[in-house]
Amino acid sequence: MAPAKPVKKGGPKGPPPKAAKPAARPAAPAGKTAERPEPKPQPAKRSGQMNVRPLRDRVLVRRLDEGEQKVGGIIIPDTAKEKPQRAEVVAVGSGRILENGDRVPLTVKAGDTVLVGKWSGTDVKIDGTEYLIIKEDEILGIEG
């Protein structure tokens, strides 16, 4: 009897083939760099400035948080909290126009802290921040 042949690892056909390496990228000619498409120019973002300017007698405000409310040691969730009535004026319009065509400038200016009604104005979201656009008549008062 003939002795049995030893079995090779990797199956009857031998070890698995090695993966081929990707072809190398040809080098750019001397003095030139590889061409890449130029990126499109992006509009410049102004840091700290608003892109929105209210019209006429409207005012753009940001509600100020009243802080976390606790009643008897229980923290009230955001959904049950009342809307804050204090707000900071972010931008103001050019002013109210009278019937004779004269323009009356607004009393409030950017940076003022004002009191607004809970349900007044229109809520808007700009750059991920919630703002409120209201008419000057809807402002109840100016703090300090």
Protein backbone atom coordinates (compact mmCIF):
# COMPACT_ATOMS: atom_id res chain seq x y z
CA MET A 1 0.00 0.00 0.00
CA ALA A 2 1.07 3.49 -0.82
CA PRO A 3 1.31 6.05 1.96
CA ALA A 4 -1.43 8.78 2.00
CA LYS A 5 -0.50 12.19 0.69
CA PRO A 6 -0.51 14.99 3.25
CA VAL A 7 -3.38 17.51 2.81
CA LYS A 8 -2.30 21.12 2.19
CA LYS A 9 -3.88 23.95 4.11
CA GLY A 10 -6.31 26.13 2.17
CA GLY A 11 -8.22 23.34 0.51
CA PRO A 12 -7.40 21.01 -2.33
CA LYS A 13 -6.29 23.82 -4.68
CA GLY A 14 -3.83 25.40 -2.29
CA PRO A 15 -3.78 28.72 -0.38
CA PRO A 16 -6.24 31.47 -1.43
CA PRO A 17 -4.86 34.01 -3.92
CA LYS A 18 -3.64 37.38 -2.62
CA ALA A 19 -5.63 40.49 -3.52
CA ALA A 20 -4.11 42.65 -6.22
CA LYS A 21 -2.81 46.04 -5.16
CA PRO A 22 -4.44 49.10 -6.74
CA ALA A 23 -2.40 50.79 -9.46
CA ALA A 24 -0.31 53.72 -8.28
CA ARG A 25 -1.42 57.21 -9.39
CA PRO A 26 0.91 58.71 -11.98
CA ALA A 27 2.99 61.59 -10.69
CA ALA A 28 2.31 65.12 -11.93
CA PRO A 29 4.83 66.61 -14.35
CA ALA A 30 7.66 68.62 -12.80
CA GLY A 31 6.57 72.13 -11.79
CA LYS A 32 2.85 71.34 -11.96
CA THR A 33 0.51 70.01 -9.34
CA ALA A 34 -2.30 67.59 -9.94
CA GLU A 35 -5.42 69.45 -11.13
CA ARG A 36 -8.28 69.62 -8.68
CA PRO A 37 -11.57 71.39 -9.22
CA GLU A 38 -11.64 74.71 -7.40
CA PRO A 39 -14.27 74.94 -4.62
CA LYS A 40 -17.20 77.25 -5.26
CA PRO A 41 -16.99 80.49 -3.27
CA GLN A 42 -19.26 80.46 -0.23
CA PRO A 43 -21.10 83.61 0.86
CA ALA A 44 -19.38 85.27 3.78
CA LYS A 45 -21.19 84.83 7.09
CA ARG A 46 -21.29 87.81 9.32
CA SER A 47 -20.65 86.71 12.87
CA GLY A 48 -22.91 88.22 15.49
CA GLN A 49 -25.11 90.04 12.96
CA MET A 50 -28.65 89.19 11.98
CA ASN A 51 -29.64 88.66 8.35
CA VAL A 52 -33.24 89.68 9.08
CA ARG A 53 -34.46 93.25 9.34
CA PRO A 54 -38.10 93.75 10.38
CA LEU A 55 -40.27 96.01 8.24
CA ARG A 56 -41.89 99.28 9.34
CA ASP A 57 -43.15 99.13 12.96
CA ARG A 58 -42.23 95.49 13.61
CA VAL A 59 -39.64 94.36 16.15
CA LEU A 60 -37.61 91.12 16.24
CA VAL A 61 -37.18 89.87 19.83
CA ARG A 62 -35.75 86.78 21.52
CA ARG A 63 -37.62 85.52 24.59
CA LEU A 64 -35.48 85.37 27.73
CA ASP A 65 -35.58 82.13 29.73
CA GLU A 66 -37.12 82.50 33.17
CA GLY A 67 -35.01 79.66 34.55
CA GLU A 68 -36.11 76.25 35.78
CA GLN A 69 -39.35 76.30 37.75
CA LYS A 70 -39.72 74.08 40.79
CA VAL A 71 -42.98 73.66 42.64
CA GLY A 72 -42.64 71.83 45.95
CA GLY A 73 -39.42 70.13 44.77
CA ILE A 74 -40.98 68.97 41.49
CA ILE A 75 -39.33 70.21 38.29
CA ILE A 76 -41.91 71.37 35.77
CA PRO A 77 -41.19 70.04 32.23
CA ASP A 78 -40.67 72.44 29.33
CA THR A 79 -44.02 71.54 27.77
CA ALA A 80 -45.92 72.66 30.87
CA LYS A 81 -44.02 75.92 31.39
CA GLU A 82 -45.58 79.24 30.49
CA LYS A 83 -44.01 81.34 27.78
CA PRO A 84 -41.63 83.96 29.19
CA GLN A 85 -42.88 87.52 29.01
CA ARG A 86 -39.44 89.16 29.07
CA ALA A 87 -37.63 89.49 25.76
CA GLU A 88 -34.50 91.11 24.34
CA VAL A 89 -34.87 93.31 21.25
CA VAL A 90 -32.60 91.98 18.49
CA ALA A 91 -33.58 94.24 15.57
CA VAL A 92 -36.12 96.98 14.86
CA GLY A 93 -37.86 98.20 11.72
CA SER A 94 -37.60 101.64 10.14
CA GLY A 95 -40.67 103.05 11.90
CA ARG A 96 -44.40 103.59 11.53
CA ILE A 97 -45.66 105.65 8.57
CA LEU A 98 -48.42 108.15 9.31
CA GLU A 99 -51.30 108.97 6.94
CA ASN A 100 -49.57 112.18 5.79
CA GLY A 101 -46.43 110.18 4.83
CA ASP A 102 -44.24 111.10 7.80
CA ARG A 103 -42.22 108.31 9.38
CA VAL A 104 -42.25 108.00 13.18
CA PRO A 105 -39.17 106.18 14.56
CA LEU A 106 -39.71 103.34 17.04
CA THR A 107 -39.31 103.90 20.76
CA VAL A 108 -37.36 100.68 21.36
CA LYS A 109 -33.86 99.96 20.07
CA ALA A 110 -31.73 96.82 19.72
CA GLY A 111 -30.50 95.58 23.11
CA ASP A 112 -33.52 96.79 25.13
CA THR A 113 -35.27 94.35 27.47
CA VAL A 114 -39.03 94.53 26.97
CA LEU A 115 -42.20 92.93 28.30
CA VAL A 116 -44.42 91.22 25.72
CA GLY A 117 -47.74 89.37 25.88
CA LYS A 118 -47.68 85.57 26.20
CA TRP A 119 -49.54 84.99 22.93
CA SER A 120 -48.52 88.06 20.93
CA GLY A 121 -46.55 88.11 17.68
CA THR A 122 -45.40 85.42 15.29
CA ASP A 123 -42.84 82.76 16.25
CA VAL A 124 -40.03 82.29 13.70
CA LYS A 125 -36.90 80.13 13.70
CA ILE A 126 -33.74 81.65 12.20
CA ASP A 127 -30.42 79.74 12.14
CA GLY A 128 -31.74 77.34 14.79
CA THR A 129 -32.73 80.10 17.23
CA GLU A 130 -36.36 80.92 18.02
CA TYR A 131 -37.41 84.55 17.68
CA LEU A 132 -40.67 86.47 17.88
CA ILE A 133 -41.74 89.20 15.44
CA ILE A 134 -44.19 91.65 17.01
CA LYS A 135 -45.54 95.11 16.30
CA GLU A 136 -44.37 97.91 18.54
CA ASP A 137 -47.95 98.30 19.80
CA GLU A 138 -47.80 94.74 21.26
CA ILE A 139 -44.86 95.67 23.53
CA LEU A 140 -46.21 96.20 27.03
CA GLY A 141 -43.21 98.04 28.47
CA ILE A 142 -39.45 98.58 28.48
CA GLU A 143 -37.39 97.48 31.50
CA GLY A 144 -34.92 99.76 33.22
